[in-house]
PDB file of N, CA and C in Angstrom:
ATOM      1  N   MET A   1    -120.794 -78.371  33.066  1.00  0.00           N
ATOM      2  CA  MET A   1    -120.111 -78.356  31.815  1.00  0.00           C
ATOM      3  C   MET A   1    -120.874 -77.488  30.755  1.00  0.00           C
ATOM      4  N   GLY A   2    -122.115 -77.143  31.124  1.00  0.00           N
ATOM      5  CA  GLY A   2    -122.800 -76.338  30.186  1.00  0.00           C
ATOM      6  C   GLY A   2    -123.832 -77.106  29.214  1.00  0.00           C
ATOM      7  N   HIS A   3    -123.845 -78.349  29.403  1.00  0.00           N
ATOM      8  CA  HIS A   3    -124.663 -79.202  28.527  1.00  0.00           C
ATOM      9  C   HIS A   3    -126.104 -79.345  29.006  1.00  0.00           C
ATOM     10  N   ILE A   4    -127.171 -79.506  28.183  1.00  0.00           N
ATOM     11  CA  ILE A   4    -128.491 -79.730  28.659  1.00  0.00           C
ATOM     12  C   ILE A   4    -128.903 -81.168  28.203  1.00  0.00           C
ATOM     13  N   VAL A   5    -129.652 -81.782  29.170  1.00  0.00           N
ATOM     14  CA  VAL A   5    -130.071 -83.174  28.938  1.00  0.00           C
ATOM     15  C   VAL A   5    -131.538 -83.230  29.329  1.00  0.00           C
ATOM     16  N   VAL A   6    -132.261 -84.092  28.771  1.00  0.00           N
ATOM     17  CA  VAL A   6    -133.667 -84.133  29.092  1.00  0.00           C
ATOM     18  C   VAL A   6    -134.060 -85.670  29.235  1.00  0.00           C
ATOM     19  N   GLY A   7    -134.852 -86.028  30.112  1.00  0.00           N
ATOM     20  CA  GLY A   7    -135.249 -87.451  30.252  1.00  0.00           C
ATOM     21  C   GLY A   7    -136.832 -87.495  30.603  1.00  0.00           C
ATOM     22  N   THR A   8    -137.291 -88.653  30.402  1.00  0.00           N
ATOM     23  CA  THR A   8    -138.702 -88.859  30.604  1.00  0.00           C
ATOM     24  C   THR A   8    -139.004 -90.253  31.133  1.00  0.00           C
ATOM     25  N   SER A   9    -140.156 -90.354  31.696  1.00  0.00           N
ATOM     26  CA  SER A   9    -140.556 -91.694  32.040  1.00  0.00           C
ATOM     27  C   SER A   9    -142.094 -91.707  31.897  1.00  0.00           C
ATOM     28  N   THR A  10    -142.649 -92.865  31.865  1.00  0.00           N
ATOM     29  CA  THR A  10    -144.111 -92.956  31.697  1.00  0.00           C
ATOM     30  C   THR A  10    -144.650 -94.125  32.451  1.00  0.00           C
ATOM     31  N   ASN A  11    -145.826 -94.017  32.965  1.00  0.00           N
ATOM     32  CA  ASN A  11    -146.599 -95.066  33.515  1.00  0.00           C
ATOM     33  C   ASN A  11    -147.708 -95.519  32.695  1.00  0.00           C
ATOM     34  N   GLU A  12    -148.249 -94.522  31.920  1.00  0.00           N
ATOM     35  CA  GLU A  12    -149.360 -94.822  30.911  1.00  0.00           C
ATOM     36  C   GLU A  12    -150.471 -95.551  31.510  1.00  0.00           C
ATOM     37  N   ALA A  13    -150.685 -95.302  32.816  1.00  0.00           N
ATOM     38  CA  ALA A  13    -151.758 -96.024  33.628  1.00  0.00           C
ATOM     39  C   ALA A  13    -153.115 -95.629  33.118  1.00  0.00           C
ATOM     40  N   ILE A  14    -153.249 -94.343  32.947  1.00  0.00           N
ATOM     41  CA  ILE A  14    -154.653 -93.743  32.594  1.00  0.00           C
ATOM     42  C   ILE A  14    -155.044 -93.804  31.176  1.00  0.00           C
ATOM     43  N   PHE A  15    -153.948 -93.303  30.281  1.00  0.00           N
ATOM     44  CA  PHE A  15    -154.364 -92.912  28.953  1.00  0.00           C
ATOM     45  C   PHE A  15    -153.977 -93.845  27.843  1.00  0.00           C
ATOM     46  N   LYS A  16    -153.158 -94.835  28.133  1.00  0.00           N
ATOM     47  CA  LYS A  16    -152.509 -95.812  27.088  1.00  0.00           C
ATOM     48  C   LYS A  16    -153.539 -96.665  26.506  1.00  0.00           C
ATOM     49  N   ILE A  17    -153.531 -96.689  25.191  1.00  0.00           N
ATOM     50  CA  ILE A  17    -154.372 -97.719  24.452  1.00  0.00           C
ATOM     51  C   ILE A  17    -153.637 -98.981  24.666  1.00  0.00           C
ATOM     52  N   PRO A  18    -154.427-100.053  25.015  1.00  0.00           N
ATOM     53  CA  PRO A  18    -153.772-101.399  25.118  1.00  0.00           C
ATOM     54  C   PRO A  18    -153.034-101.814  23.807  1.00  0.00           C
ATOM     55  N   GLY A  19    -151.848-102.388  23.994  1.00  0.00           N
ATOM     56  CA  GLY A  19    -150.932-102.849  22.989  1.00  0.00           C
ATOM     57  C   GLY A  19    -150.107-101.711  22.333  1.00  0.00           C
ATOM     58  N   ARG A  20    -150.340-100.480  22.563  1.00  0.00           N
ATOM     59  CA  ARG A  20    -149.584 -99.435  22.029  1.00  0.00           C
ATOM     60  C   ARG A  20    -148.335 -99.155  22.817  1.00  0.00           C
ATOM     61  N   VAL A  21    -147.199 -98.933  22.049  1.00  0.00           N
ATOM     62  CA  VAL A  21    -145.952 -98.469  22.717  1.00  0.00           C
ATOM     63  C   VAL A  21    -146.228 -97.087  23.404  1.00  0.00           C
ATOM     64  N   GLY A  22    -145.690 -96.905  24.555  1.00  0.00           N
ATOM     65  CA  GLY A  22    -145.928 -95.577  25.214  1.00  0.00           C
ATOM     66  C   GLY A  22    -145.295 -94.429  24.359  1.00  0.00           C
ATOM     67  N   ASP A  23    -145.587 -93.217  24.701  1.00  0.00           N
ATOM     68  CA  ASP A  23    -145.066 -92.029  24.033  1.00  0.00           C
ATOM     69  C   ASP A  23    -143.609 -91.727  24.346  1.00  0.00           C
ATOM     70  N   GLY A  24    -143.151 -92.348  25.487  1.00  0.00           N
ATOM     71  CA  GLY A  24    -141.784 -92.018  26.010  1.00  0.00           C
ATOM     72  C   GLY A  24    -140.683 -92.269  24.887  1.00  0.00           C
ATOM     73  N   PRO A  25    -140.677 -93.362  24.136  1.00  0.00           N
ATOM     74  CA  PRO A  25    -139.634 -93.596  23.298  1.00  0.00           C
ATOM     75  C   PRO A  25    -139.810 -92.817  21.949  1.00  0.00           C
ATOM     76  N   ILE A  26    -140.908 -92.108  21.705  1.00  0.00           N
ATOM     77  CA  ILE A  26    -141.075 -91.341  20.451  1.00  0.00           C
ATOM     78  C   ILE A  26    -140.433 -89.991  20.586  1.00  0.00           C
ATOM     79  N   VAL A  27    -139.267 -89.795  19.930  1.00  0.00           N
ATOM     80  CA  VAL A  27    -138.522 -88.495  20.074  1.00  0.00           C
ATOM     81  C   VAL A  27    -139.452 -87.331  19.710  1.00  0.00           C
ATOM     82  N   GLY A  28    -139.440 -86.299  20.611  1.00  0.00           N
ATOM     83  CA  GLY A  28    -140.236 -85.068  20.390  1.00  0.00           C
ATOM     84  C   GLY A  28    -141.604 -85.149  21.061  1.00  0.00           C
ATOM     85  N   SER A  29    -142.040 -86.326  21.380  1.00  0.00           N
ATOM     86  CA  SER A  29    -143.467 -86.287  21.979  1.00  0.00           C
ATOM     87  C   SER A  29    -143.458 -86.100  23.477  1.00  0.00           C
ATOM     88  N   SER A  30    -142.619 -86.750  24.225  1.00  0.00           N
ATOM     89  CA  SER A  30    -142.543 -86.434  25.694  1.00  0.00           C
ATOM     90  C   SER A  30    -141.275 -85.827  26.084  1.00  0.00           C
ATOM     91  N   ALA A  31    -140.205 -85.767  25.254  1.00  0.00           N
ATOM     92  CA  ALA A  31    -139.026 -85.087  25.520  1.00  0.00           C
ATOM     93  C   ALA A  31    -138.253 -84.810  24.261  1.00  0.00           C
ATOM     94  N   TYR A  32    -137.391 -83.686  24.303  1.00  0.00           N
ATOM     95  CA  TYR A  32    -136.578 -83.396  23.214  1.00  0.00           C
ATOM     96  C   TYR A  32    -135.552 -82.370  23.704  1.00  0.00           C
ATOM     97  N   VAL A  33    -134.253 -82.411  23.141  1.00  0.00           N
ATOM     98  CA  VAL A  33    -133.313 -81.495  23.509  1.00  0.00           C
ATOM     99  C   VAL A  33    -132.402 -81.268  22.323  1.00  0.00           C
ATOM    100  N   VAL A  34    -131.974 -79.940  22.268  1.00  0.00           N
ATOM    101  CA  VAL A  34    -130.851 -79.525  21.357  1.00  0.00           C
ATOM    102  C   VAL A  34    -129.944 -78.773  22.181  1.00  0.00           C
ATOM    103  N   ASP A  35    -128.802 -79.217  22.359  1.00  0.00           N
ATOM    104  CA  ASP A  35    -127.781 -78.669  23.432  1.00  0.00           C
ATOM    105  C   ASP A  35    -127.681 -77.177  23.302  1.00  0.00           C
ATOM    106  N   GLU A  36    -127.605 -76.701  22.096  1.00  0.00           N
ATOM    107  CA  GLU A  36    -127.350 -75.280  21.813  1.00  0.00           C
ATOM    108  C   GLU A  36    -128.616 -74.459  21.917  1.00  0.00           C
ATOM    109  N   VAL A  37    -129.761 -74.977  22.073  1.00  0.00           N
ATOM    110  CA  VAL A  37    -131.018 -74.298  22.099  1.00  0.00           C
ATOM    111  C   VAL A  37    -131.712 -74.509  23.464  1.00  0.00           C
ATOM    112  N   GLY A  38    -132.090 -75.693  23.795  1.00  0.00           N
ATOM    113  CA  GLY A  38    -132.942 -75.939  25.030  1.00  0.00           C
ATOM    114  C   GLY A  38    -133.396 -77.263  25.023  1.00  0.00           C
ATOM    115  N   ALA A  39    -134.332 -77.486  25.902  1.00  0.00           N
ATOM    116  CA  ALA A  39    -135.029 -78.770  26.152  1.00  0.00           C
ATOM    117  C   ALA A  39    -136.508 -78.670  26.519  1.00  0.00           C
ATOM    118  N   CYS A  40    -137.152 -79.657  26.392  1.00  0.00           N
ATOM    119  CA  CYS A  40    -138.641 -79.678  26.640  1.00  0.00           C
ATOM    120  C   CYS A  40    -139.025 -81.146  27.274  1.00  0.00           C
ATOM    121  N   SER A  41    -139.807 -81.150  28.184  1.00  0.00           N
ATOM    122  CA  SER A  41    -140.531 -82.449  28.659  1.00  0.00           C
ATOM    123  C   SER A  41    -141.928 -82.264  28.816  1.00  0.00           C
ATOM    124  N   ALA A  42    -142.727 -83.319  28.521  1.00  0.00           N
ATOM    125  CA  ALA A  42    -144.163 -83.204  28.568  1.00  0.00           C
ATOM    126  C   ALA A  42    -144.837 -84.395  29.328  1.00  0.00           C
ATOM    127  N   THR A  43    -145.966 -84.155  29.681  1.00  0.00           N
ATOM    128  CA  THR A  43    -146.697 -85.174  30.483  1.00  0.00           C
ATOM    129  C   THR A  43    -148.257 -85.006  30.102  1.00  0.00           C
ATOM    130  N   GLY A  44    -149.014 -86.023  30.416  1.00  0.00           N
ATOM    131  CA  GLY A  44    -150.333 -85.962  30.028  1.00  0.00           C
ATOM    132  C   GLY A  44    -150.721 -87.163  29.178  1.00  0.00           C
ATOM    133  N   ASP A  45    -151.782 -86.847  28.348  1.00  0.00           N
ATOM    134  CA  ASP A  45    -152.306 -87.910  27.427  1.00  0.00           C
ATOM    135  C   ASP A  45    -151.430 -88.027  26.243  1.00  0.00           C
ATOM    136  N   GLY A  46    -150.565 -89.088  26.409  1.00  0.00           N
ATOM    137  CA  GLY A  46    -149.567 -89.434  25.400  1.00  0.00           C
ATOM    138  C   GLY A  46    -150.216 -89.805  24.031  1.00  0.00           C
ATOM    139  N   ASP A  47    -151.347 -90.585  24.009  1.00  0.00           N
ATOM    140  CA  ASP A  47    -152.053 -90.996  22.838  1.00  0.00           C
ATOM    141  C   ASP A  47    -152.429 -89.792  21.930  1.00  0.00           C
ATOM    142  N   ILE A  48    -152.704 -88.651  22.517  1.00  0.00           N
ATOM    143  CA  ILE A  48    -152.949 -87.479  21.780  1.00  0.00           C
ATOM    144  C   ILE A  48    -151.698 -86.730  21.560  1.00  0.00           C
ATOM    145  N   ARG A  49    -150.791 -86.522  22.576  1.00  0.00           N
ATOM    146  CA  ARG A  49    -149.603 -85.761  22.357  1.00  0.00           C
ATOM    147  C   ARG A  49    -148.642 -86.338  21.408  1.00  0.00           C
ATOM    148  N   ILE A  50    -148.612 -87.615  21.198  1.00  0.00           N
ATOM    149  CA  ILE A  50    -147.762 -88.356  20.203  1.00  0.00           C
ATOM    150  C   ILE A  50    -147.931 -87.879  18.796  1.00  0.00           C
ATOM    151  N   ARG A  51    -149.191 -87.308  18.531  1.00  0.00           N
ATOM    152  CA  ARG A  51    -149.592 -86.964  17.102  1.00  0.00           C
ATOM    153  C   ARG A  51    -149.060 -85.575  16.835  1.00  0.00           C
ATOM    154  N   PHE A  52    -148.646 -84.773  17.837  1.00  0.00           N
ATOM    155  CA  PHE A  52    -148.222 -83.456  17.688  1.00  0.00           C
ATOM    156  C   PHE A  52    -146.675 -83.236  17.910  1.00  0.00           C
ATOM    157  N   LEU A  53    -146.003 -84.145  18.585  1.00  0.00           N
ATOM    158  CA  LEU A  53    -144.604 -83.912  18.857  1.00  0.00           C
ATOM    159  C   LEU A  53    -144.316 -82.560  19.469  1.00  0.00           C
ATOM    160  N   PRO A  54    -144.986 -82.265  20.592  1.00  0.00           N
ATOM    161  CA  PRO A  54    -144.905 -80.899  21.102  1.00  0.00           C
ATOM    162  C   PRO A  54    -143.571 -80.571  21.720  1.00  0.00           C
ATOM    163  N   CYS A  55    -142.823 -81.487  22.198  1.00  0.00           N
ATOM    164  CA  CYS A  55    -141.480 -81.107  22.634  1.00  0.00           C
ATOM    165  C   CYS A  55    -140.509 -80.663  21.487  1.00  0.00           C
ATOM    166  N   TYR A  56    -140.559 -81.433  20.421  1.00  0.00           N
ATOM    167  CA  TYR A  56    -139.852 -80.991  19.192  1.00  0.00           C
ATOM    168  C   TYR A  56    -140.333 -79.570  18.762  1.00  0.00           C
ATOM    169  N   LEU A  57    -141.596 -79.339  18.782  1.00  0.00           N
ATOM    170  CA  LEU A  57    -142.030 -78.019  18.392  1.00  0.00           C
ATOM    171  C   LEU A  57    -141.594 -76.953  19.381  1.00  0.00           C
ATOM    172  N   VAL A  58    -141.563 -77.262  20.561  1.00  0.00           N
ATOM    173  CA  VAL A  58    -141.111 -76.165  21.550  1.00  0.00           C
ATOM    174  C   VAL A  58    -139.630 -75.868  21.301  1.00  0.00           C
ATOM    175  N   VAL A  59    -138.847 -76.795  21.227  1.00  0.00           N
ATOM    176  CA  VAL A  59    -137.341 -76.553  21.073  1.00  0.00           C
ATOM    177  C   VAL A  59    -137.145 -75.870  19.676  1.00  0.00           C
ATOM    178  N   GLU A  60    -137.797 -76.316  18.605  1.00  0.00           N
ATOM    179  CA  GLU A  60    -137.637 -75.690  17.335  1.00  0.00           C
ATOM    180  C   GLU A  60    -138.078 -74.232  17.395  1.00  0.00           C
ATOM    181  N   SER A  61    -139.153 -73.973  18.021  1.00  0.00           N
ATOM    182  CA  SER A  61    -139.694 -72.670  18.117  1.00  0.00           C
ATOM    183  C   SER A  61    -138.683 -71.747  18.874  1.00  0.00           C
ATOM    184  N   MET A  62    -138.106 -72.315  19.893  1.00  0.00           N
ATOM    185  CA  MET A  62    -137.037 -71.523  20.716  1.00  0.00           C
ATOM    186  C   MET A  62    -135.788 -71.289  19.841  1.00  0.00           C
ATOM    187  N   ARG A  63    -135.508 -72.295  19.002  1.00  0.00           N
ATOM    188  CA  ARG A  63    -134.402 -72.076  17.961  1.00  0.00           C
ATOM    189  C   ARG A  63    -134.712 -70.898  17.034  1.00  0.00           C
ATOM    190  N   LEU A  64    -135.941 -70.764  16.675  1.00  0.00           N
ATOM    191  CA  LEU A  64    -136.259 -69.663  15.845  1.00  0.00           C
ATOM    192  C   LEU A  64    -136.471 -68.349  16.517  1.00  0.00           C
ATOM    193  N   GLY A  65    -136.270 -68.335  17.868  1.00  0.00           N
ATOM    194  CA  GLY A  65    -136.269 -67.009  18.607  1.00  0.00           C
ATOM    195  C   GLY A  65    -137.480 -66.906  19.501  1.00  0.00           C
ATOM    196  N   MET A  66    -138.398 -67.851  19.541  1.00  0.00           N
ATOM    197  CA  MET A  66    -139.629 -67.727  20.402  1.00  0.00           C
ATOM    198  C   MET A  66    -139.192 -67.819  21.858  1.00  0.00           C
ATOM    199  N   GLU A  67    -139.824 -66.999  22.703  1.00  0.00           N
ATOM    200  CA  GLU A  67    -139.516 -67.027  24.128  1.00  0.00           C
ATOM    201  C   GLU A  67    -140.080 -68.312  24.726  1.00  0.00           C
ATOM    202  N   ARG A  68    -139.484 -69.013  25.630  1.00  0.00           N
ATOM    203  CA  ARG A  68    -139.796 -70.389  26.254  1.00  0.00           C
ATOM    204  C   ARG A  68    -141.156 -70.495  26.615  1.00  0.00           C
ATOM    205  N   LYS A  69    -141.750 -69.489  27.344  1.00  0.00           N
ATOM    206  CA  LYS A  69    -143.117 -69.530  27.787  1.00  0.00           C
ATOM    207  C   LYS A  69    -144.030 -69.585  26.683  1.00  0.00           C
ATOM    208  N   LEU A  70    -143.878 -68.713  25.647  1.00  0.00           N
ATOM    209  CA  LEU A  70    -144.707 -68.546  24.536  1.00  0.00           C
ATOM    210  C   LEU A  70    -144.644 -69.901  23.689  1.00  0.00           C
ATOM    211  N   ALA A  71    -143.473 -70.455  23.534  1.00  0.00           N
ATOM    212  CA  ALA A  71    -143.262 -71.714  22.868  1.00  0.00           C
ATOM    213  C   ALA A  71    -144.098 -72.827  23.519  1.00  0.00           C
ATOM    214  N   ALA A  72    -144.010 -72.889  24.781  1.00  0.00           N
ATOM    215  CA  ALA A  72    -144.726 -73.938  25.609  1.00  0.00           C
ATOM    216  C   ALA A  72    -146.245 -73.781  25.439  1.00  0.00           C
ATOM    217  N   LYS A  73    -146.720 -72.532  25.507  1.00  0.00           N
ATOM    218  CA  LYS A  73    -148.150 -72.229  25.445  1.00  0.00           C
ATOM    219  C   LYS A  73    -148.644 -72.579  23.980  1.00  0.00           C
ATOM    220  N   ASP A  74    -147.815 -72.204  23.040  1.00  0.00           N
ATOM    221  CA  ASP A  74    -148.134 -72.411  21.637  1.00  0.00           C
ATOM    222  C   ASP A  74    -148.288 -73.859  21.320  1.00  0.00           C
ATOM    223  N   ALA A  75    -147.460 -74.728  21.768  1.00  0.00           N
ATOM    224  CA  ALA A  75    -147.557 -76.173  21.560  1.00  0.00           C
ATOM    225  C   ALA A  75    -148.700 -76.703  22.262  1.00  0.00           C
ATOM    226  N   ILE A  76    -148.974 -76.388  23.473  1.00  0.00           N
ATOM    227  CA  ILE A  76    -150.244 -76.872  24.182  1.00  0.00           C
ATOM    228  C   ILE A  76    -151.528 -76.400  23.495  1.00  0.00           C
ATOM    229  N   ALA A  77    -151.508 -75.153  22.971  1.00  0.00           N
ATOM    230  CA  ALA A  77    -152.685 -74.504  22.302  1.00  0.00           C
ATOM    231  C   ALA A  77    -152.966 -75.262  21.046  1.00  0.00           C
ATOM    232  N   ARG A  78    -151.928 -75.641  20.304  1.00  0.00           N
ATOM    233  CA  ARG A  78    -152.142 -76.488  19.024  1.00  0.00           C
ATOM    234  C   ARG A  78    -152.873 -77.781  19.289  1.00  0.00           C
ATOM    235  N   ILE A  79    -152.484 -78.475  20.441  1.00  0.00           N
ATOM    236  CA  ILE A  79    -153.181 -79.707  20.698  1.00  0.00           C
ATOM    237  C   ILE A  79    -154.635 -79.356  21.178  1.00  0.00           C
ATOM    238  N   ALA A  80    -154.809 -78.390  22.059  1.00  0.00           N
ATOM    239  CA  ALA A  80    -156.078 -78.135  22.608  1.00  0.00           C
ATOM    240  C   ALA A  80    -157.122 -77.708  21.518  1.00  0.00           C
ATOM    241  N   ARG A  81    -156.677 -77.015  20.557  1.00  0.00           N
ATOM    242  CA  ARG A  81    -157.624 -76.581  19.402  1.00  0.00           C
ATOM    243  C   ARG A  81    -158.211 -77.857  18.742  1.00  0.00           C
ATOM    244  N   LYS A  82    -157.475 -78.878  18.584  1.00  0.00           N
ATOM    245  CA  LYS A  82    -157.958 -80.091  17.981  1.00  0.00           C
ATOM    246  C   LYS A  82    -158.691 -81.037  18.938  1.00  0.00           C
ATOM    247  N   TYR A  83    -158.204 -81.044  20.253  1.00  0.00           N
ATOM    248  CA  TYR A  83    -158.653 -81.953  21.294  1.00  0.00           C
ATOM    249  C   TYR A  83    -158.940 -81.080  22.564  1.00  0.00           C
ATOM    250  N   PRO A  84    -160.093 -80.442  22.634  1.00  0.00           N
ATOM    251  CA  PRO A  84    -160.386 -79.606  23.663  1.00  0.00           C
ATOM    252  C   PRO A  84    -160.347 -80.315  25.069  1.00  0.00           C
ATOM    253  N   ASP A  85    -160.647 -81.606  25.191  1.00  0.00           N
ATOM    254  CA  ASP A  85    -160.618 -82.327  26.459  1.00  0.00           C
ATOM    255  C   ASP A  85    -159.236 -82.843  26.820  1.00  0.00           C
ATOM    256  N   PHE A  86    -158.230 -82.397  25.981  1.00  0.00           N
ATOM    257  CA  PHE A  86    -156.895 -82.947  26.272  1.00  0.00           C
ATOM    258  C   PHE A  86    -156.429 -82.507  27.628  1.00  0.00           C
ATOM    259  N   LEU A  87    -155.696 -83.393  28.364  1.00  0.00           N
ATOM    260  CA  LEU A  87    -155.020 -83.198  29.571  1.00  0.00           C
ATOM    261  C   LEU A  87    -153.492 -83.272  29.443  1.00  0.00           C
ATOM    262  N   GLY A  88    -152.772 -82.185  29.630  1.00  0.00           N
ATOM    263  CA  GLY A  88    -151.331 -82.274  29.399  1.00  0.00           C
ATOM    264  C   GLY A  88    -150.702 -80.925  29.769  1.00  0.00           C
ATOM    265  N   ALA A  89    -149.212 -81.119  29.915  1.00  0.00           N
ATOM    266  CA  ALA A  89    -148.468 -80.000  30.345  1.00  0.00           C
ATOM    267  C   ALA A  89    -147.061 -80.168  29.663  1.00  0.00           C
ATOM    268  N   ILE A  90    -146.387 -79.012  29.607  1.00  0.00           N
ATOM    269  CA  ILE A  90    -145.068 -78.992  29.087  1.00  0.00           C
ATOM    270  C   ILE A  90    -144.242 -78.027  29.924  1.00  0.00           C
ATOM    271  N   VAL A  91    -142.909 -78.468  30.036  1.00  0.00           N
ATOM    272  CA  VAL A  91    -141.936 -77.711  30.681  1.00  0.00           C
ATOM    273  C   VAL A  91    -140.780 -77.465  29.682  1.00  0.00           C
ATOM    274  N   ALA A  92    -140.465 -76.128  29.547  1.00  0.00           N
ATOM    275  CA  ALA A  92    -139.452 -75.766  28.662  1.00  0.00           C
ATOM    276  C   ALA A  92    -138.287 -75.150  29.268  1.00  0.00           C
ATOM    277  N   LEU A  93    -137.139 -75.426  28.801  1.00  0.00           N
ATOM    278  CA  LEU A  93    -135.837 -74.924  29.385  1.00  0.00           C
ATOM    279  C   LEU A  93    -134.965 -74.373  28.160  1.00  0.00           C
ATOM    280  N   ASN A  94    -134.564 -73.128  28.256  1.00  0.00           N
ATOM    281  CA  ASN A  94    -133.693 -72.619  27.177  1.00  0.00           C
ATOM    282  C   ASN A  94    -132.206 -72.841  27.667  1.00  0.00           C
ATOM    283  N   LYS A  95    -131.316 -72.448  26.651  1.00  0.00           N
ATOM    284  CA  LYS A  95    -129.899 -72.757  26.952  1.00  0.00           C
ATOM    285  C   LYS A  95    -129.213 -72.049  28.069  1.00  0.00           C
ATOM    286  N   LYS A  96    -129.974 -71.025  28.618  1.00  0.00           N
ATOM    287  CA  LYS A  96    -129.554 -70.241  29.737  1.00  0.00           C
ATOM    288  C   LYS A  96    -130.092 -70.822  31.076  1.00  0.00           C
ATOM    289  N   GLY A  97    -130.787 -71.872  30.891  1.00  0.00           N
ATOM    290  CA  GLY A  97    -131.378 -72.548  32.153  1.00  0.00           C
ATOM    291  C   GLY A  97    -132.635 -71.888  32.639  1.00  0.00           C
ATOM    292  N   GLU A  98    -133.216 -70.966  31.871  1.00  0.00           N
ATOM    293  CA  GLU A  98    -134.504 -70.448  32.265  1.00  0.00           C
ATOM    294  C   GLU A  98    -135.671 -71.260  31.885  1.00  0.00           C
ATOM    295  N   HIS A  99    -136.693 -71.484  32.670  1.00  0.00           N
ATOM    296  CA  HIS A  99    -137.689 -72.441  32.489  1.00  0.00           C
ATOM    297  C   HIS A  99    -139.064 -71.738  32.472  1.00  0.00           C
ATOM    298  N   ALA A 100    -140.049 -72.466  31.889  1.00  0.00           N
ATOM    299  CA  ALA A 100    -141.367 -72.010  31.819  1.00  0.00           C
ATOM    300  C   ALA A 100    -142.272 -73.309  31.692  1.00  0.00           C
ATOM    301  N   GLY A 101    -143.428 -73.214  32.037  1.00  0.00           N
ATOM    302  CA  GLY A 101    -144.414 -74.279  31.921  1.00  0.00           C
ATOM    303  C   GLY A 101    -145.714 -73.829  31.275  1.00  0.00           C
ATOM    304  N   ALA A 102    -146.456 -74.794  30.692  1.00  0.00           N
ATOM    305  CA  ALA A 102    -147.698 -74.516  30.185  1.00  0.00           C
ATOM    306  C   ALA A 102    -148.610 -75.731  30.304  1.00  0.00           C
ATOM    307  N   CYS A 103    -149.958 -75.568  30.520  1.00  0.00           N
ATOM    308  CA  CYS A 103    -150.764 -76.769  30.670  1.00  0.00           C
ATOM    309  C   CYS A 103    -152.099 -76.576  30.157  1.00  0.00           C
ATOM    310  N   HIS A 104    -152.883 -77.610  30.009  1.00  0.00           N
ATOM    311  CA  HIS A 104    -154.331 -77.529  29.459  1.00  0.00           C
ATOM    312  C   HIS A 104    -155.038 -78.604  30.275  1.00  0.00           C
ATOM    313  N   GLY A 105    -156.181 -78.315  30.769  1.00  0.00           N
ATOM    314  CA  GLY A 105    -157.122 -79.239  31.390  1.00  0.00           C
ATOM    315  C   GLY A 105    -156.844 -79.642  32.786  1.00  0.00           C
ATOM    316  N   TRP A 106    -155.853 -79.106  33.435  1.00  0.00           N
ATOM    317  CA  TRP A 106    -155.580 -79.487  34.821  1.00  0.00           C
ATOM    318  C   TRP A 106    -154.610 -78.276  35.387  1.00  0.00           C
ATOM    319  N   THR A 107    -154.356 -78.256  36.719  1.00  0.00           N
ATOM    320  CA  THR A 107    -153.349 -77.486  37.322  1.00  0.00           C
ATOM    321  C   THR A 107    -152.062 -78.340  37.457  1.00  0.00           C
ATOM    322  N   PHE A 108    -151.063 -77.817  36.806  1.00  0.00           N
ATOM    323  CA  PHE A 108    -149.831 -78.501  36.672  1.00  0.00           C
ATOM    324  C   PHE A 108    -148.709 -77.761  37.569  1.00  0.00           C
ATOM    325  N   LYS A 109    -148.065 -78.473  38.300  1.00  0.00           N
ATOM    326  CA  LYS A 109    -146.907 -77.868  39.072  1.00  0.00           C
ATOM    327  C   LYS A 109    -145.630 -78.785  38.707  1.00  0.00           C
ATOM    328  N   TYR A 110    -144.574 -78.091  38.766  1.00  0.00           N
ATOM    329  CA  TYR A 110    -143.243 -78.720  38.577  1.00  0.00           C
ATOM    330  C   TYR A 110    -142.238 -78.192  39.383  1.00  0.00           C
ATOM    331  N   SER A 111    -141.220 -78.755  39.729  1.00  0.00           N
ATOM    332  CA  SER A 111    -140.122 -78.317  40.624  1.00  0.00           C
ATOM    333  C   SER A 111    -138.919 -78.150  39.840  1.00  0.00           C
ATOM    334  N   VAL A 112    -138.003 -77.117  40.301  1.00  0.00           N
ATOM    335  CA  VAL A 112    -136.813 -76.908  39.657  1.00  0.00           C
ATOM    336  C   VAL A 112    -135.650 -76.781  40.790  1.00  0.00           C
ATOM    337  N   ARG A 113    -134.576 -77.437  40.490  1.00  0.00           N
ATOM    338  CA  ARG A 113    -133.475 -77.265  41.485  1.00  0.00           C
ATOM    339  C   ARG A 113    -132.255 -76.913  40.559  1.00  0.00           C
ATOM    340  N   SER A 114    -131.556 -75.913  40.804  1.00  0.00           N
ATOM    341  CA  SER A 114    -130.431 -75.571  40.076  1.00  0.00           C
ATOM    342  C   SER A 114    -129.362 -74.824  41.037  1.00  0.00           C
ATOM    343  N   LEU A 115    -128.155 -74.557  40.489  1.00  0.00           N
ATOM    344  CA  LEU A 115    -127.320 -73.830  41.371  1.00  0.00           C
ATOM    345  C   LEU A 115    -127.708 -72.412  41.513  1.00  0.00           C
ATOM    346  N   ASN A 116    -128.557 -71.912  40.608  1.00  0.00           N
ATOM    347  CA  ASN A 116    -128.978 -70.502  40.733  1.00  0.00           C
ATOM    348  C   ASN A 116    -130.228 -70.264  41.446  1.00  0.00           C
ATOM    349  N   GLU A 117    -131.063 -71.238  41.756  1.00  0.00           N
ATOM    350  CA  GLU A 117    -132.275 -70.886  42.488  1.00  0.00           C
ATOM    351  C   GLU A 117    -132.539 -72.081  43.391  1.00  0.00           C
ATOM    352  N   ARG A 118    -133.254 -71.939  44.440  1.00  0.00           N
ATOM    353  CA  ARG A 118    -133.714 -72.891  45.402  1.00  0.00           C
ATOM    354  C   ARG A 118    -134.809 -73.693  44.807  1.00  0.00           C
ATOM    355  N   CYS A 119    -134.942 -74.897  45.340  1.00  0.00           N
ATOM    356  CA  CYS A 119    -136.055 -75.707  44.916  1.00  0.00           C
ATOM    357  C   CYS A 119    -137.365 -75.161  45.101  1.00  0.00           C
ATOM    358  N   GLY A 120    -138.148 -75.100  44.149  1.00  0.00           N
ATOM    359  CA  GLY A 120    -139.490 -74.469  44.395  1.00  0.00           C
ATOM    360  C   GLY A 120    -140.482 -75.014  43.328  1.00  0.00           C
ATOM    361  N   SER A 121    -141.777 -74.845  43.540  1.00  0.00           N
ATOM    362  CA  SER A 121    -142.738 -75.264  42.591  1.00  0.00           C
ATOM    363  C   SER A 121    -143.198 -74.064  41.754  1.00  0.00           C
ATOM    364  N   PHE A 122    -143.586 -74.350  40.537  1.00  0.00           N
ATOM    365  CA  PHE A 122    -143.949 -73.293  39.492  1.00  0.00           C
ATOM    366  C   PHE A 122    -144.983 -73.810  38.821  1.00  0.00           C
ATOM    367  N   TYR A 123    -145.817 -72.861  38.340  1.00  0.00           N
ATOM    368  CA  TYR A 123    -147.062 -73.181  37.513  1.00  0.00           C
ATOM    369  C   TYR A 123    -146.899 -72.827  36.135  1.00  0.00           C
TER     370      TYR A 123
END
């Protein structure tokens, strides 16, 4: 039907500060979508990521015309400048269904399955 949705889950096993709500319910931290623009999902150190709302930033950057890969890299770079030891990754999807990822501190793979492409891993 041409709509975009995004979902997220978290186990917070490694990074979560005891007693803190995970970053999953914080809009823009680990997921964000604007149907007419695109979507973003993130993973990694939520205690750091929550301070930057990188998924919100990615989607808003795409709304302003930034290409999805550059938007994802920019959001990750903003975090890494303040927290060089940050571990995290972002996947961005524009309204055309084109995707891109960016990461810092690890090798990140994600999979895509759509009507237009076979299931595959991307970096």
